[in-house]
């Protein structure tokens, strides 16, 4: 059996997630990495319909990131579930989201959440 993976890395999206009111007003930059893995035997035949389309994964990330929530864990879970719902085959999904300059009283840094859906 073959293993087939598609990933999109270092996607930067500006969004308004966070527990604190100022995060919902000011917004922040987020970086996403998404890995989708299939154990089914690929039959690509040079047809996009037979692949995991990374442009579809990007569109899902953009759509989910546009809806503010309190926790990055919630965003990661929603992205993974929506990818699973829209891809017709059984896949494993890893979503990593980093918030740049989180409001922790420091300058710089990132906070990161990693979510894996099997």
PDB file of N, CA and C in Angstrom:
ATOM      1  N   UNK A   1       0.839  -1.185   0.000  1.00  0.00           N
ATOM      2  CA  UNK A   1       0.000   0.000   0.000  1.00  0.00           C
ATOM      3  C   UNK A   1       0.882   1.246   0.000  1.00  0.00           C
ATOM      4  N   UNK A   2       0.468   2.238  -0.721  1.00  0.00           N
ATOM      5  CA  UNK A   2       1.229   3.475  -0.835  1.00  0.00           C
ATOM      6  C   UNK A   2       0.804   4.469   0.234  1.00  0.00           C
ATOM      7  N   UNK A   3       1.687   5.389   0.498  1.00  0.00           N
ATOM      8  CA  UNK A   3       1.399   6.497   1.394  1.00  0.00           C
ATOM      9  C   UNK A   3       1.549   7.768   0.578  1.00  0.00           C
ATOM     10  N   UNK A   4       0.551   8.630   0.630  1.00  0.00           N
ATOM     11  CA  UNK A   4       0.525   9.845  -0.188  1.00  0.00           C
ATOM     12  C   UNK A   4       0.255  11.020   0.730  1.00  0.00           C
ATOM     13  N   UNK A   5       1.092  12.058   0.655  1.00  0.00           N
ATOM     14  CA  UNK A   5       0.940  13.236   1.506  1.00  0.00           C
ATOM     15  C   UNK A   5       0.926  14.502   0.666  1.00  0.00           C
ATOM     16  N   UNK A   6       0.121  15.449   1.120  1.00  0.00           N
ATOM     17  CA  UNK A   6       0.108  16.791   0.557  1.00  0.00           C
ATOM     18  C   UNK A   6       0.216  17.745   1.730  1.00  0.00           C
ATOM     19  N   UNK A   7       1.067  18.757   1.594  1.00  0.00           N
ATOM     20  CA  UNK A   7       1.151  19.751   2.666  1.00  0.00           C
ATOM     21  C   UNK A   7       1.216  21.146   2.068  1.00  0.00           C
ATOM     22  N   UNK A   8       0.729  22.090   2.859  1.00  0.00           N
ATOM     23  CA  UNK A   8       0.946  23.492   2.563  1.00  0.00           C
ATOM     24  C   UNK A   8       1.575  24.078   3.818  1.00  0.00           C
ATOM     25  N   UNK A   9       2.611  24.854   3.636  1.00  0.00           N
ATOM     26  CA  UNK A   9       3.427  25.306   4.751  1.00  0.00           C
ATOM     27  C   UNK A   9       3.594  26.823   4.730  1.00  0.00           C
ATOM     28  N   UNK A  10       3.727  27.363   5.938  1.00  0.00           N
ATOM     29  CA  UNK A  10       4.011  28.789   6.118  1.00  0.00           C
ATOM     30  C   UNK A  10       2.973  29.708   5.475  1.00  0.00           C
ATOM     31  N   UNK A  11       1.703  29.336   5.585  1.00  0.00           N
ATOM     32  CA  UNK A  11       0.633  30.210   5.119  1.00  0.00           C
ATOM     33  C   UNK A  11       0.450  31.300   6.170  1.00  0.00           C
ATOM     34  N   UNK A  12       0.529  32.549   5.774  1.00  0.00           N
ATOM     35  CA  UNK A  12       0.308  33.664   6.716  1.00  0.00           C
ATOM     36  C   UNK A  12      -1.060  34.263   6.454  1.00  0.00           C
ATOM     37  N   UNK A  13      -1.863  34.328   7.523  1.00  0.00           N
ATOM     38  CA  UNK A  13      -3.213  34.874   7.435  1.00  0.00           C
ATOM     39  C   UNK A  13      -3.419  35.836   8.607  1.00  0.00           C
ATOM     40  N   UNK A  14      -3.972  36.994   8.326  1.00  0.00           N
ATOM     41  CA  UNK A  14      -4.311  37.941   9.376  1.00  0.00           C
ATOM     42  C   UNK A  14      -5.729  37.634   9.834  1.00  0.00           C
ATOM     43  N   UNK A  15      -5.917  37.488  11.171  1.00  0.00           N
ATOM     44  CA  UNK A  15      -7.228  37.115  11.702  1.00  0.00           C
ATOM     45  C   UNK A  15      -7.424  37.722  13.088  1.00  0.00           C
ATOM     46  N   UNK A  16      -8.586  37.470  13.663  1.00  0.00           N
ATOM     47  CA  UNK A  16      -9.001  38.129  14.907  1.00  0.00           C
ATOM     48  C   UNK A  16      -9.371  37.129  15.996  1.00  0.00           C
ATOM     49  N   UNK A  17      -8.548  36.109  16.203  1.00  0.00           N
ATOM     50  CA  UNK A  17      -8.798  35.105  17.232  1.00  0.00           C
ATOM     51  C   UNK A  17      -8.185  35.542  18.554  1.00  0.00           C
ATOM     52  N   UNK A  18      -8.759  35.065  19.660  1.00  0.00           N
ATOM     53  CA  UNK A  18      -8.142  35.311  20.955  1.00  0.00           C
ATOM     54  C   UNK A  18      -9.155  35.511  22.065  1.00  0.00           C
ATOM     55  N   UNK A  19      -8.683  35.286  23.271  1.00  0.00           N
ATOM     56  CA  UNK A  19      -9.517  35.438  24.465  1.00  0.00           C
ATOM     57  C   UNK A  19      -9.717  36.897  24.856  1.00  0.00           C
ATOM     58  N   UNK A  20      -8.745  37.724  24.550  1.00  0.00           N
ATOM     59  CA  UNK A  20      -8.749  39.100  25.036  1.00  0.00           C
ATOM     60  C   UNK A  20      -9.428  40.030  24.036  1.00  0.00           C
ATOM     61  N   UNK A  21     -10.200  41.004  24.536  1.00  0.00           N
ATOM     62  CA  UNK A  21     -10.929  41.916  23.634  1.00  0.00           C
ATOM     63  C   UNK A  21     -10.031  42.614  22.622  1.00  0.00           C
ATOM     64  N   UNK A  22      -8.827  42.997  23.038  1.00  0.00           N
ATOM     65  CA  UNK A  22      -7.944  43.698  22.103  1.00  0.00           C
ATOM     66  C   UNK A  22      -7.522  42.818  20.925  1.00  0.00           C
ATOM     67  N   UNK A  23      -7.469  41.502  21.142  1.00  0.00           N
ATOM     68  CA  UNK A  23      -7.133  40.595  20.037  1.00  0.00           C
ATOM     69  C   UNK A  23      -8.242  40.583  18.992  1.00  0.00           C
ATOM     70  N   UNK A  24      -9.470  40.738  19.438  1.00  0.00           N
ATOM     71  CA  UNK A  24     -10.612  40.739  18.529  1.00  0.00           C
ATOM     72  C   UNK A  24     -10.719  42.058  17.774  1.00  0.00           C
ATOM     73  N   UNK A  25     -10.110  43.117  18.309  1.00  0.00           N
ATOM     74  CA  UNK A  25     -10.148  44.433  17.666  1.00  0.00           C
ATOM     75  C   UNK A  25      -8.924  44.633  16.778  1.00  0.00           C
ATOM     76  N   UNK A  26      -7.733  44.364  17.322  1.00  0.00           N
ATOM     77  CA  UNK A  26      -6.482  44.629  16.609  1.00  0.00           C
ATOM     78  C   UNK A  26      -6.121  43.532  15.613  1.00  0.00           C
ATOM     79  N   UNK A  27      -6.470  42.285  15.925  1.00  0.00           N
ATOM     80  CA  UNK A  27      -6.095  41.163  15.073  1.00  0.00           C
ATOM     81  C   UNK A  27      -4.624  40.820  15.217  1.00  0.00           C
ATOM     82  N   UNK A  28      -4.211  39.818  14.488  1.00  0.00           N
ATOM     83  CA  UNK A  28      -2.835  39.333  14.569  1.00  0.00           C
ATOM     84  C   UNK A  28      -2.523  38.493  13.335  1.00  0.00           C
ATOM     85  N   UNK A  29      -1.236  38.277  13.113  1.00  0.00           N
ATOM     86  CA  UNK A  29      -0.786  37.380  12.048  1.00  0.00           C
ATOM     87  C   UNK A  29      -0.661  35.969  12.603  1.00  0.00           C
ATOM     88  N   UNK A  30      -1.089  35.014  11.789  1.00  0.00           N
ATOM     89  CA  UNK A  30      -1.018  33.591  12.123  1.00  0.00           C
ATOM     90  C   UNK A  30      -0.305  32.874  10.986  1.00  0.00           C
ATOM     91  N   UNK A  31       0.449  31.849  11.344  1.00  0.00           N
ATOM     92  CA  UNK A  31       1.111  31.006  10.352  1.00  0.00           C
ATOM     93  C   UNK A  31       0.556  29.595  10.481  1.00  0.00           C
ATOM     94  N   UNK A  32       0.165  29.007   9.360  1.00  0.00           N
ATOM     95  CA  UNK A  32      -0.415  27.672   9.362  1.00  0.00           C
ATOM     96  C   UNK A  32       0.428  26.726   8.530  1.00  0.00           C
ATOM     97  N   UNK A  33       0.529  25.501   9.017  1.00  0.00           N
ATOM     98  CA  UNK A  33       1.081  24.374   8.273  1.00  0.00           C
ATOM     99  C   UNK A  33       0.034  23.274   8.337  1.00  0.00           C
ATOM    100  N   UNK A  34      -0.288  22.689   7.190  1.00  0.00           N
ATOM    101  CA  UNK A  34      -1.297  21.631   7.151  1.00  0.00           C
ATOM    102  C   UNK A  34      -0.737  20.466   6.340  1.00  0.00           C
ATOM    103  N   UNK A  35      -0.829  19.275   6.915  1.00  0.00           N
ATOM    104  CA  UNK A  35      -0.388  18.043   6.254  1.00  0.00           C
ATOM    105  C   UNK A  35      -1.581  17.106   6.171  1.00  0.00           C
ATOM    106  N   UNK A  36      -1.878  16.631   4.971  1.00  0.00           N
ATOM    107  CA  UNK A  36      -2.949  15.661   4.762  1.00  0.00           C
ATOM    108  C   UNK A  36      -2.310  14.401   4.198  1.00  0.00           C
ATOM    109  N   UNK A  37      -2.615  13.268   4.832  1.00  0.00           N
ATOM    110  CA  UNK A  37      -1.966  12.009   4.462  1.00  0.00           C
ATOM    111  C   UNK A  37      -3.023  10.953   4.165  1.00  0.00           C
ATOM    112  N   UNK A  38      -2.823  10.258   3.059  1.00  0.00           N
ATOM    113  CA  UNK A  38      -3.731   9.195   2.639  1.00  0.00           C
ATOM    114  C   UNK A  38      -2.965   7.874   2.567  1.00  0.00           C
ATOM    115  N   UNK A  39      -3.601   6.811   3.014  1.00  0.00           N
ATOM    116  CA  UNK A  39      -3.014   5.475   2.918  1.00  0.00           C
ATOM    117  C   UNK A  39      -3.532   4.717   1.699  1.00  0.00           C
ATOM    118  N   UNK A  40      -4.488   5.303   0.974  1.00  0.00           N
ATOM    119  CA  UNK A  40      -5.044   4.609  -0.184  1.00  0.00           C
ATOM    120  C   UNK A  40      -4.066   4.659  -1.362  1.00  0.00           C
ATOM    121  N   UNK A  41      -4.191   3.704  -2.229  1.00  0.00           N
ATOM    122  CA  UNK A  41      -3.317   3.612  -3.397  1.00  0.00           C
ATOM    123  C   UNK A  41      -3.633   4.748  -4.365  1.00  0.00           C
ATOM    124  N   UNK A  42      -2.683   5.668  -4.590  1.00  0.00           N
ATOM    125  CA  UNK A  42      -2.972   6.767  -5.511  1.00  0.00           C
ATOM    126  C   UNK A  42      -3.071   6.286  -6.954  1.00  0.00           C
ATOM    127  N   UNK A  43      -3.949   6.905  -7.693  1.00  0.00           N
ATOM    128  CA  UNK A  43      -4.116   6.668  -9.126  1.00  0.00           C
ATOM    129  C   UNK A  43      -4.234   8.037  -9.780  1.00  0.00           C
ATOM    130  N   UNK A  44      -3.110   8.736  -9.849  1.00  0.00           N
ATOM    131  CA  UNK A  44      -3.128  10.136 -10.238  1.00  0.00           C
ATOM    132  C   UNK A  44      -3.577  10.355 -11.680  1.00  0.00           C
ATOM    133  N   UNK A  45      -3.025   9.625 -12.606  1.00  0.00           N
ATOM    134  CA  UNK A  45      -3.325   9.732 -14.038  1.00  0.00           C
ATOM    135  C   UNK A  45      -3.351  11.182 -14.521  1.00  0.00           C
ATOM    136  N   UNK A  46      -2.515  12.013 -13.914  1.00  0.00           N
ATOM    137  CA  UNK A  46      -2.355  13.417 -14.293  1.00  0.00           C
ATOM    138  C   UNK A  46      -3.683  14.180 -14.303  1.00  0.00           C
ATOM    139  N   UNK A  47      -4.535  13.853 -13.312  1.00  0.00           N
ATOM    140  CA  UNK A  47      -5.853  14.478 -13.203  1.00  0.00           C
ATOM    141  C   UNK A  47      -6.014  14.999 -11.780  1.00  0.00           C
ATOM    142  N   UNK A  48      -6.244  16.303 -11.633  1.00  0.00           N
ATOM    143  CA  UNK A  48      -6.375  16.931 -10.315  1.00  0.00           C
ATOM    144  C   UNK A  48      -7.498  16.298  -9.493  1.00  0.00           C
ATOM    145  N   UNK A  49      -8.502  15.761 -10.152  1.00  0.00           N
ATOM    146  CA  UNK A  49      -9.619  15.126  -9.450  1.00  0.00           C
ATOM    147  C   UNK A  49      -9.168  13.873  -8.686  1.00  0.00           C
ATOM    148  N   UNK A  50      -8.018  13.324  -9.044  1.00  0.00           N
ATOM    149  CA  UNK A  50      -7.512  12.116  -8.384  1.00  0.00           C
ATOM    150  C   UNK A  50      -6.457  12.428  -7.328  1.00  0.00           C
ATOM    151  N   UNK A  51      -6.362  13.674  -6.930  1.00  0.00           N
ATOM    152  CA  UNK A  51      -5.371  14.075  -5.937  1.00  0.00           C
ATOM    153  C   UNK A  51      -6.058  14.733  -4.744  1.00  0.00           C
ATOM    154  N   UNK A  52      -5.264  15.016  -3.730  1.00  0.00           N
ATOM    155  CA  UNK A  52      -5.699  15.898  -2.652  1.00  0.00           C
ATOM    156  C   UNK A  52      -5.275  17.287  -3.098  1.00  0.00           C
ATOM    157  N   UNK A  53      -6.233  18.118  -3.391  1.00  0.00           N
ATOM    158  CA  UNK A  53      -5.987  19.424  -4.000  1.00  0.00           C
ATOM    159  C   UNK A  53      -5.573  20.432  -2.925  1.00  0.00           C
ATOM    160  N   UNK A  54      -4.319  20.870  -2.949  1.00  0.00           N
ATOM    161  CA  UNK A  54      -3.855  21.789  -1.912  1.00  0.00           C
ATOM    162  C   UNK A  54      -4.500  23.167  -2.015  1.00  0.00           C
ATOM    163  N   UNK A  55      -5.027  23.538  -3.174  1.00  0.00           N
ATOM    164  CA  UNK A  55      -5.750  24.811  -3.254  1.00  0.00           C
ATOM    165  C   UNK A  55      -7.065  24.723  -2.474  1.00  0.00           C
ATOM    166  N   UNK A  56      -7.658  23.546  -2.416  1.00  0.00           N
ATOM    167  CA  UNK A  56      -8.859  23.328  -1.611  1.00  0.00           C
ATOM    168  C   UNK A  56      -8.516  23.430  -0.123  1.00  0.00           C
ATOM    169  N   UNK A  57      -7.371  22.895   0.266  1.00  0.00           N
ATOM    170  CA  UNK A  57      -6.924  22.980   1.660  1.00  0.00           C
ATOM    171  C   UNK A  57      -6.705  24.443   2.044  1.00  0.00           C
ATOM    172  N   UNK A  58      -6.056  25.203   1.169  1.00  0.00           N
ATOM    173  CA  UNK A  58      -5.842  26.634   1.436  1.00  0.00           C
ATOM    174  C   UNK A  58      -7.170  27.369   1.594  1.00  0.00           C
ATOM    175  N   UNK A  59      -8.118  27.088   0.698  1.00  0.00           N
ATOM    176  CA  UNK A  59      -9.423  27.760   0.763  1.00  0.00           C
ATOM    177  C   UNK A  59     -10.127  27.455   2.086  1.00  0.00           C
ATOM    178  N   UNK A  60     -10.023  26.236   2.563  1.00  0.00           N
ATOM    179  CA  UNK A  60     -10.618  25.860   3.851  1.00  0.00           C
ATOM    180  C   UNK A  60      -9.949  26.636   4.979  1.00  0.00           C
ATOM    181  N   UNK A  61      -8.617  26.705   4.966  1.00  0.00           N
ATOM    182  CA  UNK A  61      -7.891  27.451   6.005  1.00  0.00           C
ATOM    183  C   UNK A  61      -8.342  28.909   6.023  1.00  0.00           C
ATOM    184  N   UNK A  62      -8.408  29.523   4.875  1.00  0.00           N
ATOM    185  CA  UNK A  62      -8.802  30.926   4.769  1.00  0.00           C
ATOM    186  C   UNK A  62     -10.228  31.135   5.285  1.00  0.00           C
ATOM    187  N   UNK A  63     -11.126  30.233   4.925  1.00  0.00           N
ATOM    188  CA  UNK A  63     -12.526  30.328   5.341  1.00  0.00           C
ATOM    189  C   UNK A  63     -12.668  30.192   6.856  1.00  0.00           C
ATOM    190  N   UNK A  64     -12.017  29.192   7.444  1.00  0.00           N
ATOM    191  CA  UNK A  64     -12.130  28.963   8.887  1.00  0.00           C
ATOM    192  C   UNK A  64     -11.446  30.082   9.667  1.00  0.00           C
ATOM    193  N   UNK A  65     -10.307  30.554   9.195  1.00  0.00           N
ATOM    194  CA  UNK A  65      -9.584  31.616   9.891  1.00  0.00           C
ATOM    195  C   UNK A  65     -10.375  32.927   9.905  1.00  0.00           C
ATOM    196  N   UNK A  66     -11.306  33.109   8.996  1.00  0.00           N
ATOM    197  CA  UNK A  66     -12.087  34.346   8.913  1.00  0.00           C
ATOM    198  C   UNK A  66     -13.155  34.456  10.001  1.00  0.00           C
ATOM    199  N   UNK A  67     -13.417  33.386  10.729  1.00  0.00           N
ATOM    200  CA  UNK A  67     -14.450  33.383  11.766  1.00  0.00           C
ATOM    201  C   UNK A  67     -13.770  33.390  13.132  1.00  0.00           C
ATOM    202  N   UNK A  68     -13.795  34.516  13.855  1.00  0.00           N
ATOM    203  CA  UNK A  68     -13.076  34.619  15.131  1.00  0.00           C
ATOM    204  C   UNK A  68     -13.598  33.639  16.193  1.00  0.00           C
ATOM    205  N   UNK A  69     -12.657  33.025  16.894  1.00  0.00           N
ATOM    206  CA  UNK A  69     -12.950  32.177  18.052  1.00  0.00           C
ATOM    207  C   UNK A  69     -11.928  32.494  19.140  1.00  0.00           C
ATOM    208  N   UNK A  70     -12.159  31.980  20.334  1.00  0.00           N
ATOM    209  CA  UNK A  70     -11.261  32.258  21.455  1.00  0.00           C
ATOM    210  C   UNK A  70      -9.938  31.503  21.361  1.00  0.00           C
ATOM    211  N   UNK A  71      -9.992  30.227  20.989  1.00  0.00           N
ATOM    212  CA  UNK A  71      -8.813  29.362  21.116  1.00  0.00           C
ATOM    213  C   UNK A  71      -8.272  28.883  19.768  1.00  0.00           C
ATOM    214  N   UNK A  72      -6.950  28.831  19.660  1.00  0.00           N
ATOM    215  CA  UNK A  72      -6.320  28.263  18.462  1.00  0.00           C
ATOM    216  C   UNK A  72      -6.655  26.788  18.317  1.00  0.00           C
ATOM    217  N   UNK A  73      -6.855  26.106  19.440  1.00  0.00           N
ATOM    218  CA  UNK A  73      -7.238  24.693  19.395  1.00  0.00           C
ATOM    219  C   UNK A  73      -8.544  24.520  18.621  1.00  0.00           C
ATOM    220  N   UNK A  74      -9.470  25.438  18.838  1.00  0.00           N
ATOM    221  CA  UNK A  74     -10.753  25.390  18.132  1.00  0.00           C
ATOM    222  C   UNK A  74     -10.552  25.605  16.636  1.00  0.00           C
ATOM    223  N   UNK A  75      -9.726  26.550  16.276  1.00  0.00           N
ATOM    224  CA  UNK A  75      -9.445  26.819  14.856  1.00  0.00           C
ATOM    225  C   UNK A  75      -8.828  25.583  14.203  1.00  0.00           C
ATOM    226  N   UNK A  76      -7.823  25.001  14.834  1.00  0.00           N
ATOM    227  CA  UNK A  76      -7.148  23.831  14.276  1.00  0.00           C
ATOM    228  C   UNK A  76      -8.111  22.662  14.099  1.00  0.00           C
ATOM    229  N   UNK A  77      -8.944  22.430  15.113  1.00  0.00           N
ATOM    230  CA  UNK A  77      -9.917  21.339  15.029  1.00  0.00           C
ATOM    231  C   UNK A  77     -10.913  21.581  13.892  1.00  0.00           C
ATOM    232  N   UNK A  78     -11.401  22.808  13.743  1.00  0.00           N
ATOM    233  CA  UNK A  78     -12.360  23.125  12.687  1.00  0.00           C
ATOM    234  C   UNK A  78     -11.748  22.957  11.301  1.00  0.00           C
ATOM    235  N   UNK A  79     -10.496  23.389  11.145  1.00  0.00           N
ATOM    236  CA  UNK A  79      -9.821  23.214   9.852  1.00  0.00           C
ATOM    237  C   UNK A  79      -9.688  21.733   9.522  1.00  0.00           C
ATOM    238  N   UNK A  80      -9.207  20.946  10.473  1.00  0.00           N
ATOM    239  CA  UNK A  80      -9.024  19.509  10.236  1.00  0.00           C
ATOM    240  C   UNK A  80     -10.348  18.827   9.909  1.00  0.00           C
ATOM    241  N   UNK A  81     -11.387  19.143  10.655  1.00  0.00           N
ATOM    242  CA  UNK A  81     -12.685  18.503  10.427  1.00  0.00           C
ATOM    243  C   UNK A  81     -13.266  18.884   9.079  1.00  0.00           C
ATOM    244  N   UNK A  82     -13.124  20.146   8.693  1.00  0.00           N
ATOM    245  CA  UNK A  82     -13.656  20.591   7.396  1.00  0.00           C
ATOM    246  C   UNK A  82     -12.901  19.935   6.241  1.00  0.00           C
ATOM    247  N   UNK A  83     -11.589  19.797   6.384  1.00  0.00           N
ATOM    248  CA  UNK A  83     -10.815  19.084   5.354  1.00  0.00           C
ATOM    249  C   UNK A  83     -11.303  17.650   5.261  1.00  0.00           C
ATOM    250  N   UNK A  84     -11.454  16.980   6.401  1.00  0.00           N
ATOM    251  CA  UNK A  84     -11.933  15.589   6.416  1.00  0.00           C
ATOM    252  C   UNK A  84     -13.305  15.492   5.753  1.00  0.00           C
ATOM    253  N   UNK A  85     -14.201  16.444   6.055  1.00  0.00           N
ATOM    254  CA  UNK A  85     -15.553  16.413   5.497  1.00  0.00           C
ATOM    255  C   UNK A  85     -15.562  16.606   3.983  1.00  0.00           C
ATOM    256  N   UNK A  86     -14.626  17.390   3.464  1.00  0.00           N
ATOM    257  CA  UNK A  86     -14.645  17.722   2.039  1.00  0.00           C
ATOM    258  C   UNK A  86     -13.805  16.784   1.166  1.00  0.00           C
ATOM    259  N   UNK A  87     -12.939  16.001   1.784  1.00  0.00           N
ATOM    260  CA  UNK A  87     -12.139  15.037   1.020  1.00  0.00           C
ATOM    261  C   UNK A  87     -12.846  13.699   1.096  1.00  0.00           C
ATOM    262  N   UNK A  88     -13.049  13.083  -0.031  1.00  0.00           N
ATOM    263  CA  UNK A  88     -13.894  11.892  -0.095  1.00  0.00           C
ATOM    264  C   UNK A  88     -13.231  10.622   0.431  1.00  0.00           C
ATOM    265  N   UNK A  89     -11.949  10.641   0.647  1.00  0.00           N
ATOM    266  CA  UNK A  89     -11.282   9.432   1.126  1.00  0.00           C
ATOM    267  C   UNK A  89     -10.842   9.591   2.579  1.00  0.00           C
ATOM    268  N   UNK A  90     -10.498   8.476   3.197  1.00  0.00           N
ATOM    269  CA  UNK A  90     -10.033   8.479   4.588  1.00  0.00           C
ATOM    270  C   UNK A  90      -8.612   9.039   4.642  1.00  0.00           C
ATOM    271  N   UNK A  91      -8.427  10.095   5.427  1.00  0.00           N
ATOM    272  CA  UNK A  91      -7.128  10.749   5.524  1.00  0.00           C
ATOM    273  C   UNK A  91      -6.809  11.060   6.984  1.00  0.00           C
ATOM    274  N   UNK A  92      -5.526  11.237   7.259  1.00  0.00           N
ATOM    275  CA  UNK A  92      -5.063  11.782   8.532  1.00  0.00           C
ATOM    276  C   UNK A  92      -4.651  13.224   8.263  1.00  0.00           C
ATOM    277  N   UNK A  93      -4.896  14.081   9.235  1.00  0.00           N
ATOM    278  CA  UNK A  93      -4.644  15.502   9.028  1.00  0.00           C
ATOM    279  C   UNK A  93      -3.892  16.064  10.227  1.00  0.00           C
ATOM    280  N   UNK A  94      -2.862  16.842   9.947  1.00  0.00           N
ATOM    281  CA  UNK A  94      -2.137  17.556  10.986  1.00  0.00           C
ATOM    282  C   UNK A  94      -2.236  19.047  10.674  1.00  0.00           C
ATOM    283  N   UNK A  95      -2.691  19.819  11.661  1.00  0.00           N
ATOM    284  CA  UNK A  95      -2.795  21.267  11.510  1.00  0.00           C
ATOM    285  C   UNK A  95      -1.949  21.905  12.600  1.00  0.00           C
ATOM    286  N   UNK A  96      -1.038  22.767  12.198  1.00  0.00           N
ATOM    287  CA  UNK A  96      -0.218  23.531  13.143  1.00  0.00           C
ATOM    288  C   UNK A  96      -0.477  25.007  12.906  1.00  0.00           C
ATOM    289  N   UNK A  97      -0.870  25.716  13.976  1.00  0.00           N
ATOM    290  CA  UNK A  97      -1.154  27.146  13.882  1.00  0.00           C
ATOM    291  C   UNK A  97      -0.296  27.877  14.897  1.00  0.00           C
ATOM    292  N   UNK A  98       0.391  28.917  14.442  1.00  0.00           N
ATOM    293  CA  UNK A  98       1.188  29.766  15.324  1.00  0.00           C
ATOM    294  C   UNK A  98       0.656  31.184  15.295  1.00  0.00           C
ATOM    295  N   UNK A  99       0.509  31.771  16.480  1.00  0.00           N
ATOM    296  CA  UNK A  99       0.120  33.177  16.611  1.00  0.00           C
ATOM    297  C   UNK A  99       1.389  33.984  16.831  1.00  0.00           C
ATOM    298  N   UNK A 100       1.632  34.952  15.967  1.00  0.00           N
ATOM    299  CA  UNK A 100       2.815  35.799  16.106  1.00  0.00           C
ATOM    300  C   UNK A 100       2.573  36.847  17.190  1.00  0.00           C
ATOM    301  N   UNK A 101       3.578  37.120  17.974  1.00  0.00           N
ATOM    302  CA  UNK A 101       3.510  38.145  19.020  1.00  0.00           C
ATOM    303  C   UNK A 101       2.275  38.001  19.915  1.00  0.00           C
ATOM    304  N   UNK A 102       2.092  36.853  20.556  1.00  0.00           N
ATOM    305  CA  UNK A 102       0.914  36.695  21.417  1.00  0.00           C
ATOM    306  C   UNK A 102       0.967  37.668  22.599  1.00  0.00           C
ATOM    307  N   UNK A 103      -0.200  38.093  23.094  1.00  0.00           N
ATOM    308  CA  UNK A 103      -0.229  39.092  24.166  1.00  0.00           C
ATOM    309  C   UNK A 103       0.129  38.490  25.524  1.00  0.00           C
ATOM    310  N   UNK A 104       1.425  38.276  25.746  1.00  0.00           N
ATOM    311  CA  UNK A 104       1.893  37.681  27.001  1.00  0.00           C
ATOM    312  C   UNK A 104       2.844  38.611  27.740  1.00  0.00           C
ATOM    313  N   UNK A 105       2.880  39.875  27.348  1.00  0.00           N
ATOM    314  CA  UNK A 105       3.771  40.811  28.005  1.00  0.00           C
ATOM    315  C   UNK A 105       5.203  40.736  27.520  1.00  0.00           C
ATOM    316  N   UNK A 106       5.421  40.119  26.359  1.00  0.00           N
ATOM    317  CA  UNK A 106       6.756  40.049  25.772  1.00  0.00           C
ATOM    318  C   UNK A 106       6.698  40.603  24.354  1.00  0.00           C
ATOM    319  N   UNK A 107       7.833  40.966  23.845  1.00  0.00           N
ATOM    320  CA  UNK A 107       7.913  41.425  22.472  1.00  0.00           C
ATOM    321  C   UNK A 107       8.422  40.269  21.611  1.00  0.00           C
ATOM    322  N   UNK A 108       7.661  39.935  20.598  1.00  0.00           N
ATOM    323  CA  UNK A 108       8.068  38.853  19.711  1.00  0.00           C
ATOM    324  C   UNK A 108       7.531  37.515  20.175  1.00  0.00           C
ATOM    325  N   UNK A 109       8.096  36.465  19.631  1.00  0.00           N
ATOM    326  CA  UNK A 109       7.697  35.118  19.985  1.00  0.00           C
ATOM    327  C   UNK A 109       6.465  34.648  19.243  1.00  0.00           C
ATOM    328  N   UNK A 110       6.107  33.397  19.500  1.00  0.00           N
ATOM    329  CA  UNK A 110       4.933  32.768  18.894  1.00  0.00           C
ATOM    330  C   UNK A 110       4.325  31.811  19.909  1.00  0.00           C
ATOM    331  N   UNK A 111       3.029  31.629  19.813  1.00  0.00           N
ATOM    332  CA  UNK A 111       2.383  30.526  20.519  1.00  0.00           C
ATOM    333  C   UNK A 111       1.870  29.587  19.439  1.00  0.00           C
ATOM    334  N   UNK A 112       2.000  28.275  19.667  1.00  0.00           N
ATOM    335  CA  UNK A 112       1.688  27.303  18.629  1.00  0.00           C
ATOM    336  C   UNK A 112       0.815  26.189  19.179  1.00  0.00           C
ATOM    337  N   UNK A 113      -0.143  25.780  18.358  1.00  0.00           N
ATOM    338  CA  UNK A 113      -1.006  24.641  18.655  1.00  0.00           C
ATOM    339  C   UNK A 113      -0.852  23.642  17.512  1.00  0.00           C
ATOM    340  N   UNK A 114      -0.739  22.366  17.866  1.00  0.00           N
ATOM    341  CA  UNK A 114      -0.677  21.294  16.880  1.00  0.00           C
ATOM    342  C   UNK A 114      -1.848  20.357  17.145  1.00  0.00           C
ATOM    343  N   UNK A 115      -2.616  20.082  16.110  1.00  0.00           N
ATOM    344  CA  UNK A 115      -3.796  19.218  16.214  1.00  0.00           C
ATOM    345  C   UNK A 115      -3.699  18.138  15.158  1.00  0.00           C
ATOM    346  N   UNK A 116      -3.883  16.880  15.570  1.00  0.00           N
ATOM    347  CA  UNK A 116      -3.814  15.757  14.629  1.00  0.00           C
ATOM    348  C   UNK A 116      -5.140  15.018  14.662  1.00  0.00           C
ATOM    349  N   UNK A 117      -5.725  14.792  13.469  1.00  0.00           N
ATOM    350  CA  UNK A 117      -6.971  14.055  13.325  1.00  0.00           C
ATOM    351  C   UNK A 117      -6.683  12.798  12.519  1.00  0.00           C
ATOM    352  N   UNK A 118      -6.940  11.649  13.125  1.00  0.00           N
ATOM    353  CA  UNK A 118      -6.703  10.357  12.437  1.00  0.00           C
ATOM    354  C   UNK A 118      -7.995   9.798  11.925  1.00  0.00           C
TER     355      UNK A 118
END
